[in-house]
Amino acid sequence: MAKYEKNLEGNFNELLEWLHNEITNGSVSASYEDGSDIAMGQIKMAVRVYERYSMMGGNRVSLNVTLLGDGPKIFISAITSGGSQAVFFKLNTIGEETFLELCRESVEKYVNSIS
């Protein structure tokens, strides 16, 4: 399992759409699995789950992205899982790390685009 978290400022809906497009277009095998949205007053939360095939591991890897927004303040948490073929401990987590890196780079591109 690999994790990336960041506080930033921007437009919640714009970042959510940006990430979705970057992740689904960033890999031929990436797919959107499901999501959930809720707003409570000014607070918004969106959860997205993506999956893709990892050539290195020969298996599928998932990416869970959670955005929490309060006006222009946004918190993102992205966590990958899967990608290991071992029974009792994790081996070959390259697929997870690569999927997470795609998300991290996408967030950084968004931040740079609004700066």
PDB file of N, CA and C in Angstrom:
ATOM      1  N   MET A   1       0.848  -1.165   0.000  1.00  0.00           N
ATOM      2  CA  MET A   1       0.000   0.000   0.000  1.00  0.00           C
ATOM      3  C   MET A   1       0.895   1.230   0.000  1.00  0.00           C
ATOM      4  N   ALA A   2       0.528   2.202  -0.811  1.00  0.00           N
ATOM      5  CA  ALA A   2       1.239   3.469  -0.877  1.00  0.00           C
ATOM      6  C   ALA A   2       0.221   4.585  -0.691  1.00  0.00           C
ATOM      7  N   LYS A   3       0.664   5.721  -0.106  1.00  0.00           N
ATOM      8  CA  LYS A   3      -0.272   6.798   0.200  1.00  0.00           C
ATOM      9  C   LYS A   3       0.350   8.153  -0.128  1.00  0.00           C
ATOM     10  N   TYR A   4      -0.507   9.058  -0.623  1.00  0.00           N
ATOM     11  CA  TYR A   4      -0.124  10.442  -0.912  1.00  0.00           C
ATOM     12  C   TYR A   4      -1.213  11.341  -0.352  1.00  0.00           C
ATOM     13  N   GLU A   5      -0.826  12.347   0.417  1.00  0.00           N
ATOM     14  CA  GLU A   5      -1.789  13.297   0.949  1.00  0.00           C
ATOM     15  C   GLU A   5      -1.245  14.716   0.793  1.00  0.00           C
ATOM     16  N   LYS A   6      -2.168  15.652   0.586  1.00  0.00           N
ATOM     17  CA  LYS A   6      -1.747  17.033   0.373  1.00  0.00           C
ATOM     18  C   LYS A   6      -2.897  17.989   0.669  1.00  0.00           C
ATOM     19  N   ASN A   7      -2.557  19.116   1.292  1.00  0.00           N
ATOM     20  CA  ASN A   7      -3.465  20.248   1.440  1.00  0.00           C
ATOM     21  C   ASN A   7      -3.143  21.236   0.333  1.00  0.00           C
ATOM     22  N   LEU A   8      -4.167  21.796  -0.300  1.00  0.00           N
ATOM     23  CA  LEU A   8      -3.946  22.776  -1.354  1.00  0.00           C
ATOM     24  C   LEU A   8      -5.146  23.694  -1.446  1.00  0.00           C
ATOM     25  N   GLU A   9      -5.038  24.685  -2.298  1.00  0.00           N
ATOM     26  CA  GLU A   9      -6.168  25.571  -2.559  1.00  0.00           C
ATOM     27  C   GLU A   9      -6.503  25.516  -4.034  1.00  0.00           C
ATOM     28  N   GLY A  10      -7.800  25.554  -4.330  1.00  0.00           N
ATOM     29  CA  GLY A  10      -8.254  25.498  -5.712  1.00  0.00           C
ATOM     30  C   GLY A  10      -9.759  25.362  -5.760  1.00  0.00           C
ATOM     31  N   ASN A  11     -10.244  24.915  -6.901  1.00  0.00           N
ATOM     32  CA  ASN A  11     -11.668  24.697  -7.110  1.00  0.00           C
ATOM     33  C   ASN A  11     -11.945  23.201  -6.988  1.00  0.00           C
ATOM     34  N   PHE A  12     -12.751  22.826  -6.005  1.00  0.00           N
ATOM     35  CA  PHE A  12     -13.026  21.421  -5.703  1.00  0.00           C
ATOM     36  C   PHE A  12     -13.511  20.649  -6.923  1.00  0.00           C
ATOM     37  N   ASN A  13     -14.564  21.152  -7.581  1.00  0.00           N
ATOM     38  CA  ASN A  13     -15.142  20.435  -8.726  1.00  0.00           C
ATOM     39  C   ASN A  13     -14.168  20.358  -9.892  1.00  0.00           C
ATOM     40  N   GLU A  14     -13.422  21.423 -10.101  1.00  0.00           N
ATOM     41  CA  GLU A  14     -12.434  21.448 -11.175  1.00  0.00           C
ATOM     42  C   GLU A  14     -11.329  20.409 -10.922  1.00  0.00           C
ATOM     43  N   LEU A  15     -10.830  20.347  -9.676  1.00  0.00           N
ATOM     44  CA  LEU A  15      -9.793  19.366  -9.343  1.00  0.00           C
ATOM     45  C   LEU A  15     -10.324  17.943  -9.477  1.00  0.00           C
ATOM     46  N   LEU A  16     -11.556  17.715  -9.034  1.00  0.00           N
ATOM     47  CA  LEU A  16     -12.149  16.383  -9.130  1.00  0.00           C
ATOM     48  C   LEU A  16     -12.220  15.924 -10.583  1.00  0.00           C
ATOM     49  N   GLU A  17     -12.683  16.800 -11.459  1.00  0.00           N
ATOM     50  CA  GLU A  17     -12.758  16.467 -12.888  1.00  0.00           C
ATOM     51  C   GLU A  17     -11.354  16.301 -13.481  1.00  0.00           C
ATOM     52  N   TRP A  18     -10.443  17.182 -13.100  1.00  0.00           N
ATOM     53  CA  TRP A  18      -9.050  17.127 -13.567  1.00  0.00           C
ATOM     54  C   TRP A  18      -8.443  15.763 -13.240  1.00  0.00           C
ATOM     55  N   LEU A  19      -8.561  15.354 -11.964  1.00  0.00           N
ATOM     56  CA  LEU A  19      -7.987  14.073 -11.543  1.00  0.00           C
ATOM     57  C   LEU A  19      -8.623  12.904 -12.284  1.00  0.00           C
ATOM     58  N   HIS A  20      -9.929  12.934 -12.415  1.00  0.00           N
ATOM     59  CA  HIS A  20     -10.618  11.852 -13.118  1.00  0.00           C
ATOM     60  C   HIS A  20     -10.080  11.705 -14.547  1.00  0.00           C
ATOM     61  N   ASN A  21      -9.970  12.814 -15.254  1.00  0.00           N
ATOM     62  CA  ASN A  21      -9.471  12.763 -16.631  1.00  0.00           C
ATOM     63  C   ASN A  21      -8.016  12.312 -16.696  1.00  0.00           C
ATOM     64  N   GLU A  22      -7.188  12.829 -15.815  1.00  0.00           N
ATOM     65  CA  GLU A  22      -5.770  12.454 -15.808  1.00  0.00           C
ATOM     66  C   GLU A  22      -5.588  10.963 -15.500  1.00  0.00           C
ATOM     67  N   ILE A  23      -6.328  10.462 -14.531  1.00  0.00           N
ATOM     68  CA  ILE A  23      -6.177   9.054 -14.131  1.00  0.00           C
ATOM     69  C   ILE A  23      -6.717   8.118 -15.203  1.00  0.00           C
ATOM     70  N   THR A  24      -7.904   8.402 -15.716  1.00  0.00           N
ATOM     71  CA  THR A  24      -8.486   7.494 -16.716  1.00  0.00           C
ATOM     72  C   THR A  24      -7.767   7.576 -18.060  1.00  0.00           C
ATOM     73  N   ASN A  25      -7.181   8.719 -18.372  1.00  0.00           N
ATOM     74  CA  ASN A  25      -6.436   8.851 -19.630  1.00  0.00           C
ATOM     75  C   ASN A  25      -4.958   8.541 -19.473  1.00  0.00           C
ATOM     76  N   GLY A  26      -4.503   8.357 -18.234  1.00  0.00           N
ATOM     77  CA  GLY A  26      -3.083   8.141 -17.970  1.00  0.00           C
ATOM     78  C   GLY A  26      -2.610   6.719 -18.165  1.00  0.00           C
ATOM     79  N   SER A  27      -3.531   5.801 -18.382  1.00  0.00           N
ATOM     80  CA  SER A  27      -3.178   4.394 -18.559  1.00  0.00           C
ATOM     81  C   SER A  27      -4.252   3.733 -19.421  1.00  0.00           C
ATOM     82  N   VAL A  28      -3.816   2.945 -20.368  1.00  0.00           N
ATOM     83  CA  VAL A  28      -4.745   2.257 -21.274  1.00  0.00           C
ATOM     84  C   VAL A  28      -5.723   1.370 -20.510  1.00  0.00           C
ATOM     85  N   SER A  29      -5.263   0.771 -19.405  1.00  0.00           N
ATOM     86  CA  SER A  29      -6.123  -0.165 -18.680  1.00  0.00           C
ATOM     87  C   SER A  29      -6.833   0.468 -17.481  1.00  0.00           C
ATOM     88  N   ALA A  30      -6.637   1.767 -17.238  1.00  0.00           N
ATOM     89  CA  ALA A  30      -7.273   2.412 -16.088  1.00  0.00           C
ATOM     90  C   ALA A  30      -8.779   2.522 -16.293  1.00  0.00           C
ATOM     91  N   SER A  31      -9.515   2.224 -15.230  1.00  0.00           N
ATOM     92  CA  SER A  31     -10.963   2.322 -15.292  1.00  0.00           C
ATOM     93  C   SER A  31     -11.502   2.926 -14.000  1.00  0.00           C
ATOM     94  N   TYR A  32     -12.606   3.636 -14.148  1.00  0.00           N
ATOM     95  CA  TYR A  32     -13.322   4.190 -13.002  1.00  0.00           C
ATOM     96  C   TYR A  32     -14.249   3.098 -12.494  1.00  0.00           C
ATOM     97  N   GLU A  33     -14.127   2.737 -11.231  1.00  0.00           N
ATOM     98  CA  GLU A  33     -14.934   1.656 -10.675  1.00  0.00           C
ATOM     99  C   GLU A  33     -16.209   2.167  -9.997  1.00  0.00           C
ATOM    100  N   ASP A  34     -16.062   3.163  -9.130  1.00  0.00           N
ATOM    101  CA  ASP A  34     -17.238   3.717  -8.463  1.00  0.00           C
ATOM    102  C   ASP A  34     -16.832   4.960  -7.678  1.00  0.00           C
ATOM    103  N   GLY A  35     -17.832   5.671  -7.186  1.00  0.00           N
ATOM    104  CA  GLY A  35     -17.552   6.877  -6.423  1.00  0.00           C
ATOM    105  C   GLY A  35     -18.725   7.264  -5.555  1.00  0.00           C
ATOM    106  N   SER A  36     -18.474   8.248  -4.700  1.00  0.00           N
ATOM    107  CA  SER A  36     -19.502   8.734  -3.798  1.00  0.00           C
ATOM    108  C   SER A  36     -19.255  10.220  -3.562  1.00  0.00           C
ATOM    109  N   ASP A  37     -20.320  11.000  -3.516  1.00  0.00           N
ATOM    110  CA  ASP A  37     -20.238  12.440  -3.284  1.00  0.00           C
ATOM    111  C   ASP A  37     -21.206  12.831  -2.183  1.00  0.00           C
ATOM    112  N   ILE A  38     -20.777  13.784  -1.357  1.00  0.00           N
ATOM    113  CA  ILE A  38     -21.675  14.334  -0.343  1.00  0.00           C
ATOM    114  C   ILE A  38     -21.269  15.777  -0.066  1.00  0.00           C
ATOM    115  N   ALA A  39     -22.268  16.592   0.218  1.00  0.00           N
ATOM    116  CA  ALA A  39     -22.038  17.971   0.648  1.00  0.00           C
ATOM    117  C   ALA A  39     -22.823  18.188   1.931  1.00  0.00           C
ATOM    118  N   MET A  40     -22.174  18.799   2.903  1.00  0.00           N
ATOM    119  CA  MET A  40     -22.815  19.144   4.177  1.00  0.00           C
ATOM    120  C   MET A  40     -22.515  20.614   4.422  1.00  0.00           C
ATOM    121  N   GLY A  41     -23.473  21.454   4.081  1.00  0.00           N
ATOM    122  CA  GLY A  41     -23.214  22.886   4.128  1.00  0.00           C
ATOM    123  C   GLY A  41     -22.182  23.234   3.068  1.00  0.00           C
ATOM    124  N   GLN A  42     -21.126  23.892   3.456  1.00  0.00           N
ATOM    125  CA  GLN A  42     -20.064  24.279   2.527  1.00  0.00           C
ATOM    126  C   GLN A  42     -19.017  23.180   2.344  1.00  0.00           C
ATOM    127  N   ILE A  43     -19.068  22.141   3.160  1.00  0.00           N
ATOM    128  CA  ILE A  43     -18.087  21.054   3.106  1.00  0.00           C
ATOM    129  C   ILE A  43     -18.499  20.047   2.037  1.00  0.00           C
ATOM    130  N   LYS A  44     -17.556  19.699   1.161  1.00  0.00           N
ATOM    131  CA  LYS A  44     -17.804  18.696   0.114  1.00  0.00           C
ATOM    132  C   LYS A  44     -16.807  17.559   0.282  1.00  0.00           C
ATOM    133  N   MET A  45     -17.267  16.353  -0.027  1.00  0.00           N
ATOM    134  CA  MET A  45     -16.376  15.208  -0.038  1.00  0.00           C
ATOM    135  C   MET A  45     -16.707  14.342  -1.250  1.00  0.00           C
ATOM    136  N   ALA A  46     -15.666  13.891  -1.916  1.00  0.00           N
ATOM    137  CA  ALA A  46     -15.827  12.973  -3.043  1.00  0.00           C
ATOM    138  C   ALA A  46     -14.839  11.829  -2.871  1.00  0.00           C
ATOM    139  N   VAL A  47     -15.325  10.625  -3.084  1.00  0.00           N
ATOM    140  CA  VAL A  47     -14.480   9.427  -3.044  1.00  0.00           C
ATOM    141  C   VAL A  47     -14.553   8.783  -4.417  1.00  0.00           C
ATOM    142  N   ARG A  48     -13.392   8.428  -4.958  1.00  0.00           N
ATOM    143  CA  ARG A  48     -13.330   7.772  -6.261  1.00  0.00           C
ATOM    144  C   ARG A  48     -12.427   6.553  -6.152  1.00  0.00           C
ATOM    145  N   VAL A  49     -12.838   5.480  -6.826  1.00  0.00           N
ATOM    146  CA  VAL A  49     -12.029   4.265  -6.867  1.00  0.00           C
ATOM    147  C   VAL A  49     -11.733   3.942  -8.326  1.00  0.00           C
ATOM    148  N   TYR A  50     -10.449   3.781  -8.612  1.00  0.00           N
ATOM    149  CA  TYR A  50      -9.971   3.451  -9.955  1.00  0.00           C
ATOM    150  C   TYR A  50      -9.191   2.144  -9.879  1.00  0.00           C
ATOM    151  N   GLU A  51      -9.086   1.492 -11.019  1.00  0.00           N
ATOM    152  CA  GLU A  51      -8.344   0.244 -11.099  1.00  0.00           C
ATOM    153  C   GLU A  51      -7.576   0.239 -12.410  1.00  0.00           C
ATOM    154  N   ARG A  52      -6.451  -0.446 -12.407  1.00  0.00           N
ATOM    155  CA  ARG A  52      -5.717  -0.622 -13.656  1.00  0.00           C
ATOM    156  C   ARG A  52      -4.889  -1.898 -13.574  1.00  0.00           C
ATOM    157  N   TYR A  53      -4.511  -2.379 -14.736  1.00  0.00           N
ATOM    158  CA  TYR A  53      -3.681  -3.576 -14.819  1.00  0.00           C
ATOM    159  C   TYR A  53      -2.220  -3.164 -14.696  1.00  0.00           C
ATOM    160  N   SER A  54      -1.473  -3.879 -13.872  1.00  0.00           N
ATOM    161  CA  SER A  54      -0.041  -3.636 -13.706  1.00  0.00           C
ATOM    162  C   SER A  54       0.735  -4.694 -14.480  1.00  0.00           C
ATOM    163  N   MET A  55       1.381  -4.273 -15.547  1.00  0.00           N
ATOM    164  CA  MET A  55       2.175  -5.212 -16.361  1.00  0.00           C
ATOM    165  C   MET A  55       3.302  -5.838 -15.536  1.00  0.00           C
ATOM    166  N   MET A  56       3.940  -5.015 -14.700  1.00  0.00           N
ATOM    167  CA  MET A  56       5.070  -5.505 -13.895  1.00  0.00           C
ATOM    168  C   MET A  56       4.641  -6.618 -12.944  1.00  0.00           C
ATOM    169  N   GLY A  57       3.488  -6.438 -12.305  1.00  0.00           N
ATOM    170  CA  GLY A  57       3.027  -7.415 -11.334  1.00  0.00           C
ATOM    171  C   GLY A  57       2.132  -8.482 -11.919  1.00  0.00           C
ATOM    172  N   GLY A  58       1.636  -8.242 -13.124  1.00  0.00           N
ATOM    173  CA  GLY A  58       0.728  -9.196 -13.739  1.00  0.00           C
ATOM    174  C   GLY A  58      -0.597  -9.296 -13.000  1.00  0.00           C
ATOM    175  N   ASN A  59      -1.050  -8.183 -12.418  1.00  0.00           N
ATOM    176  CA  ASN A  59      -2.298  -8.184 -11.661  1.00  0.00           C
ATOM    177  C   ASN A  59      -2.924  -6.789 -11.694  1.00  0.00           C
ATOM    178  N   ARG A  60      -4.058  -6.640 -11.034  1.00  0.00           N
ATOM    179  CA  ARG A  60      -4.743  -5.348 -11.013  1.00  0.00           C
ATOM    180  C   ARG A  60      -4.417  -4.612  -9.720  1.00  0.00           C
ATOM    181  N   VAL A  61      -4.380  -3.281  -9.835  1.00  0.00           N
ATOM    182  CA  VAL A  61      -4.066  -2.398  -8.719  1.00  0.00           C
ATOM    183  C   VAL A  61      -5.192  -1.389  -8.589  1.00  0.00           C
ATOM    184  N   SER A  62      -5.588  -1.062  -7.361  1.00  0.00           N
ATOM    185  CA  SER A  62      -6.642  -0.068  -7.181  1.00  0.00           C
ATOM    186  C   SER A  62      -6.075   1.214  -6.584  1.00  0.00           C
ATOM    187  N   LEU A  63      -6.764   2.315  -6.881  1.00  0.00           N
ATOM    188  CA  LEU A  63      -6.412   3.636  -6.370  1.00  0.00           C
ATOM    189  C   LEU A  63      -7.678   4.260  -5.818  1.00  0.00           C
ATOM    190  N   ASN A  64      -7.656   4.590  -4.540  1.00  0.00           N
ATOM    191  CA  ASN A  64      -8.771   5.264  -3.891  1.00  0.00           C
ATOM    192  C   ASN A  64      -8.381   6.725  -3.705  1.00  0.00           C
ATOM    193  N   VAL A  65      -9.173   7.636  -4.244  1.00  0.00           N
ATOM    194  CA  VAL A  65      -8.905   9.062  -4.122  1.00  0.00           C
ATOM    195  C   VAL A  65     -10.053   9.706  -3.349  1.00  0.00           C
ATOM    196  N   THR A  66      -9.719  10.415  -2.266  1.00  0.00           N
ATOM    197  CA  THR A  66     -10.712  11.130  -1.475  1.00  0.00           C
ATOM    198  C   THR A  66     -10.355  12.605  -1.475  1.00  0.00           C
ATOM    199  N   LEU A  67     -11.316  13.438  -1.857  1.00  0.00           N
ATOM    200  CA  LEU A  67     -11.155  14.893  -1.801  1.00  0.00           C
ATOM    201  C   LEU A  67     -12.109  15.425  -0.747  1.00  0.00           C
ATOM    202  N   LEU A  68     -11.603  16.333   0.081  1.00  0.00           N
ATOM    203  CA  LEU A  68     -12.409  17.019   1.076  1.00  0.00           C
ATOM    204  C   LEU A  68     -12.227  18.501   0.824  1.00  0.00           C
ATOM    205  N   GLY A  69     -13.323  19.232   0.637  1.00  0.00           N
ATOM    206  CA  GLY A  69     -13.230  20.646   0.314  1.00  0.00           C
ATOM    207  C   GLY A  69     -14.056  21.523   1.222  1.00  0.00           C
ATOM    208  N   ASP A  70     -13.477  22.663   1.577  1.00  0.00           N
ATOM    209  CA  ASP A  70     -14.157  23.691   2.350  1.00  0.00           C
ATOM    210  C   ASP A  70     -13.834  25.014   1.673  1.00  0.00           C
ATOM    211  N   GLY A  71     -14.713  25.428   0.748  1.00  0.00           N
ATOM    212  CA  GLY A  71     -14.405  26.598  -0.074  1.00  0.00           C
ATOM    213  C   GLY A  71     -13.180  26.294  -0.922  1.00  0.00           C
ATOM    214  N   PRO A  72     -12.195  27.196  -0.923  1.00  0.00           N
ATOM    215  CA  PRO A  72     -11.006  26.951  -1.739  1.00  0.00           C
ATOM    216  C   PRO A  72     -10.000  25.989  -1.097  1.00  0.00           C
ATOM    217  N   LYS A  73     -10.205  25.640   0.170  1.00  0.00           N
ATOM    218  CA  LYS A  73      -9.292  24.725   0.860  1.00  0.00           C
ATOM    219  C   LYS A  73      -9.670  23.288   0.509  1.00  0.00           C
ATOM    220  N   ILE A  74      -8.673  22.532   0.035  1.00  0.00           N
ATOM    221  CA  ILE A  74      -8.901  21.147  -0.387  1.00  0.00           C
ATOM    222  C   ILE A  74      -7.860  20.247   0.254  1.00  0.00           C
ATOM    223  N   PHE A  75      -8.300  19.087   0.699  1.00  0.00           N
ATOM    224  CA  PHE A  75      -7.403  18.036   1.183  1.00  0.00           C
ATOM    225  C   PHE A  75      -7.612  16.828   0.292  1.00  0.00           C
ATOM    226  N   ILE A  76      -6.519  16.247  -0.181  1.00  0.00           N
ATOM    227  CA  ILE A  76      -6.599  15.023  -0.991  1.00  0.00           C
ATOM    228  C   ILE A  76      -5.852  13.909  -0.278  1.00  0.00           C
ATOM    229  N   SER A  77      -6.457  12.732  -0.302  1.00  0.00           N
ATOM    230  CA  SER A  77      -5.816  11.516   0.183  1.00  0.00           C
ATOM    231  C   SER A  77      -5.964  10.468  -0.913  1.00  0.00           C
ATOM    232  N   ALA A  78      -4.834   9.944  -1.379  1.00  0.00           N
ATOM    233  CA  ALA A  78      -4.845   8.910  -2.419  1.00  0.00           C
ATOM    234  C   ALA A  78      -4.100   7.697  -1.887  1.00  0.00           C
ATOM    235  N   ILE A  79      -4.745   6.544  -1.943  1.00  0.00           N
ATOM    236  CA  ILE A  79      -4.167   5.309  -1.405  1.00  0.00           C
ATOM    237  C   ILE A  79      -4.327   4.196  -2.440  1.00  0.00           C
ATOM    238  N   THR A  80      -3.240   3.497  -2.714  1.00  0.00           N
ATOM    239  CA  THR A  80      -3.290   2.361  -3.634  1.00  0.00           C
ATOM    240  C   THR A  80      -3.275   1.060  -2.852  1.00  0.00           C
ATOM    241  N   SER A  81      -3.788   0.009  -3.481  1.00  0.00           N
ATOM    242  CA  SER A  81      -3.715  -1.326  -2.882  1.00  0.00           C
ATOM    243  C   SER A  81      -3.725  -2.368  -3.995  1.00  0.00           C
ATOM    244  N   GLY A  82      -3.380  -3.580  -3.620  1.00  0.00           N
ATOM    245  CA  GLY A  82      -3.273  -4.665  -4.589  1.00  0.00           C
ATOM    246  C   GLY A  82      -1.867  -4.728  -5.132  1.00  0.00           C
ATOM    247  N   GLY A  83      -1.683  -5.434  -6.186  1.00  0.00           N
ATOM    248  CA  GLY A  83      -0.393  -5.458  -6.855  1.00  0.00           C
ATOM    249  C   GLY A  83       0.609  -6.452  -6.319  1.00  0.00           C
ATOM    250  N   SER A  84       0.308  -7.146  -5.240  1.00  0.00           N
ATOM    251  CA  SER A  84       1.257  -8.118  -4.704  1.00  0.00           C
ATOM    252  C   SER A  84       0.770  -9.533  -4.994  1.00  0.00           C
ATOM    253  N   GLN A  85       1.712 -10.415  -5.208  1.00  0.00           N
ATOM    254  CA  GLN A  85       1.346 -11.803  -5.477  1.00  0.00           C
ATOM    255  C   GLN A  85       1.691 -12.728  -4.314  1.00  0.00           C
ATOM    256  N   ALA A  86       2.277 -12.181  -3.254  1.00  0.00           N
ATOM    257  CA  ALA A  86       2.658 -13.004  -2.108  1.00  0.00           C
ATOM    258  C   ALA A  86       1.440 -13.268  -1.220  1.00  0.00           C
ATOM    259  N   VAL A  87       1.510 -14.346  -0.445  1.00  0.00           N
ATOM    260  CA  VAL A  87       0.399 -14.724   0.413  1.00  0.00           C
ATOM    261  C   VAL A  87       0.463 -14.010   1.768  1.00  0.00           C
ATOM    262  N   PHE A  88       1.645 -13.954   2.396  1.00  0.00           N
ATOM    263  CA  PHE A  88       1.750 -13.445   3.761  1.00  0.00           C
ATOM    264  C   PHE A  88       2.386 -12.060   3.877  1.00  0.00           C
ATOM    265  N   PHE A  89       3.053 -11.578   2.849  1.00  0.00           N
ATOM    266  CA  PHE A  89       3.643 -10.249   2.892  1.00  0.00           C
ATOM    267  C   PHE A  89       3.698  -9.706   1.473  1.00  0.00           C
ATOM    268  N   LYS A  90       3.929  -8.413   1.356  1.00  0.00           N
ATOM    269  CA  LYS A  90       3.852  -7.774   0.043  1.00  0.00           C
ATOM    270  C   LYS A  90       5.185  -7.842  -0.691  1.00  0.00           C
ATOM    271  N   LEU A  91       5.103  -8.302  -1.915  1.00  0.00           N
ATOM    272  CA  LEU A  91       6.225  -8.287  -2.842  1.00  0.00           C
ATOM    273  C   LEU A  91       5.791  -7.519  -4.077  1.00  0.00           C
ATOM    274  N   ASN A  92       6.743  -6.904  -4.743  1.00  0.00           N
ATOM    275  CA  ASN A  92       6.472  -6.258  -6.024  1.00  0.00           C
ATOM    276  C   ASN A  92       5.341  -5.234  -5.924  1.00  0.00           C
ATOM    277  N   THR A  93       5.607  -4.140  -5.250  1.00  0.00           N
ATOM    278  CA  THR A  93       4.610  -3.075  -5.116  1.00  0.00           C
ATOM    279  C   THR A  93       4.832  -1.969  -6.155  1.00  0.00           C
ATOM    280  N   ILE A  94       5.586  -2.258  -7.199  1.00  0.00           N
ATOM    281  CA  ILE A  94       5.890  -1.268  -8.235  1.00  0.00           C
ATOM    282  C   ILE A  94       4.609  -0.761  -8.899  1.00  0.00           C
ATOM    283  N   GLY A  95       3.661  -1.636  -9.153  1.00  0.00           N
ATOM    284  CA  GLY A  95       2.406  -1.236  -9.787  1.00  0.00           C
ATOM    285  C   GLY A  95       1.642  -0.227  -8.949  1.00  0.00           C
ATOM    286  N   GLU A  96       1.606  -0.437  -7.631  1.00  0.00           N
ATOM    287  CA  GLU A  96       0.936   0.499  -6.731  1.00  0.00           C
ATOM    288  C   GLU A  96       1.626   1.858  -6.757  1.00  0.00           C
ATOM    289  N   GLU A  97       2.936   1.826  -6.638  1.00  0.00           N
ATOM    290  CA  GLU A  97       3.714   3.071  -6.594  1.00  0.00           C
ATOM    291  C   GLU A  97       3.581   3.859  -7.896  1.00  0.00           C
ATOM    292  N   THR A  98       3.552   3.162  -9.021  1.00  0.00           N
ATOM    293  CA  THR A  98       3.412   3.822 -10.323  1.00  0.00           C
ATOM    294  C   THR A  98       2.033   4.467 -10.465  1.00  0.00           C
ATOM    295  N   PHE A  99       0.986   3.776 -10.025  1.00  0.00           N
ATOM    296  CA  PHE A  99      -0.371   4.308 -10.095  1.00  0.00           C
ATOM    297  C   PHE A  99      -0.496   5.546  -9.197  1.00  0.00           C
ATOM    298  N   LEU A 100       0.077   5.461  -8.003  1.00  0.00           N
ATOM    299  CA  LEU A 100       0.037   6.590  -7.086  1.00  0.00           C
ATOM    300  C   LEU A 100       0.819   7.775  -7.644  1.00  0.00           C
ATOM    301  N   GLU A 101       1.943   7.512  -8.288  1.00  0.00           N
ATOM    302  CA  GLU A 101       2.753   8.574  -8.875  1.00  0.00           C
ATOM    303  C   GLU A 101       1.967   9.318  -9.956  1.00  0.00           C
ATOM    304  N   LEU A 102       1.163   8.606 -10.730  1.00  0.00           N
ATOM    305  CA  LEU A 102       0.306   9.235 -11.736  1.00  0.00           C
ATOM    306  C   LEU A 102      -0.629  10.247 -11.069  1.00  0.00           C
ATOM    307  N   CYS A 103      -1.212   9.872  -9.947  1.00  0.00           N
ATOM    308  CA  CYS A 103      -2.115  10.757  -9.213  1.00  0.00           C
ATOM    309  C   CYS A 103      -1.346  11.942  -8.638  1.00  0.00           C
ATOM    310  N   ARG A 104      -0.214  11.692  -8.014  1.00  0.00           N
ATOM    311  CA  ARG A 104       0.586  12.759  -7.419  1.00  0.00           C
ATOM    312  C   ARG A 104       1.002  13.786  -8.475  1.00  0.00           C
ATOM    313  N   GLU A 105       1.479  13.305  -9.610  1.00  0.00           N
ATOM    314  CA  GLU A 105       1.893  14.202 -10.690  1.00  0.00           C
ATOM    315  C   GLU A 105       0.708  15.014 -11.210  1.00  0.00           C
ATOM    316  N   SER A 106      -0.455  14.407 -11.268  1.00  0.00           N
ATOM    317  CA  SER A 106      -1.653  15.096 -11.721  1.00  0.00           C
ATOM    318  C   SER A 106      -2.008  16.240 -10.770  1.00  0.00           C
ATOM    319  N   VAL A 107      -1.938  15.990  -9.463  1.00  0.00           N
ATOM    320  CA  VAL A 107      -2.225  17.035  -8.483  1.00  0.00           C
ATOM    321  C   VAL A 107      -1.226  18.176  -8.635  1.00  0.00           C
ATOM    322  N   GLU A 108       0.043  17.843  -8.786  1.00  0.00           N
ATOM    323  CA  GLU A 108       1.074  18.872  -8.932  1.00  0.00           C
ATOM    324  C   GLU A 108       0.870  19.690 -10.208  1.00  0.00           C
ATOM    325  N   LYS A 109       0.455  19.039 -11.297  1.00  0.00           N
ATOM    326  CA  LYS A 109       0.156  19.764 -12.536  1.00  0.00           C
ATOM    327  C   LYS A 109      -1.014  20.719 -12.333  1.00  0.00           C
ATOM    328  N   TYR A 110      -2.029  20.260 -11.596  1.00  0.00           N
ATOM    329  CA  TYR A 110      -3.180  21.128 -11.307  1.00  0.00           C
ATOM    330  C   TYR A 110      -2.736  22.350 -10.501  1.00  0.00           C
ATOM    331  N   VAL A 111      -1.955  22.117  -9.451  1.00  0.00           N
ATOM    332  CA  VAL A 111      -1.476  23.217  -8.610  1.00  0.00           C
ATOM    333  C   VAL A 111      -0.688  24.215  -9.448  1.00  0.00           C
ATOM    334  N   ASN A 112       0.183  23.723 -10.311  1.00  0.00           N
ATOM    335  CA  ASN A 112       0.977  24.602 -11.167  1.00  0.00           C
ATOM    336  C   ASN A 112       0.118  25.342 -12.187  1.00  0.00           C
ATOM    337  N   SER A 113      -0.975  24.720 -12.636  1.00  0.00           N
ATOM    338  CA  SER A 113      -1.833  25.360 -13.635  1.00  0.00           C
ATOM    339  C   SER A 113      -2.627  26.529 -13.075  1.00  0.00           C
ATOM    340  N   ILE A 114      -2.871  26.516 -11.753  1.00  0.00           N
ATOM    341  CA  ILE A 114      -3.647  27.610 -11.158  1.00  0.00           C
ATOM    342  C   ILE A 114      -2.754  28.656 -10.491  1.00  0.00           C
ATOM    343  N   SER A 115      -1.467  28.400 -10.441  1.00  0.00           N
ATOM    344  CA  SER A 115      -0.534  29.346  -9.802  1.00  0.00           C
ATOM    345  C   SER A 115      -0.222  30.509 -10.689  1.00  0.00           C
TER     346      SER A 115
END
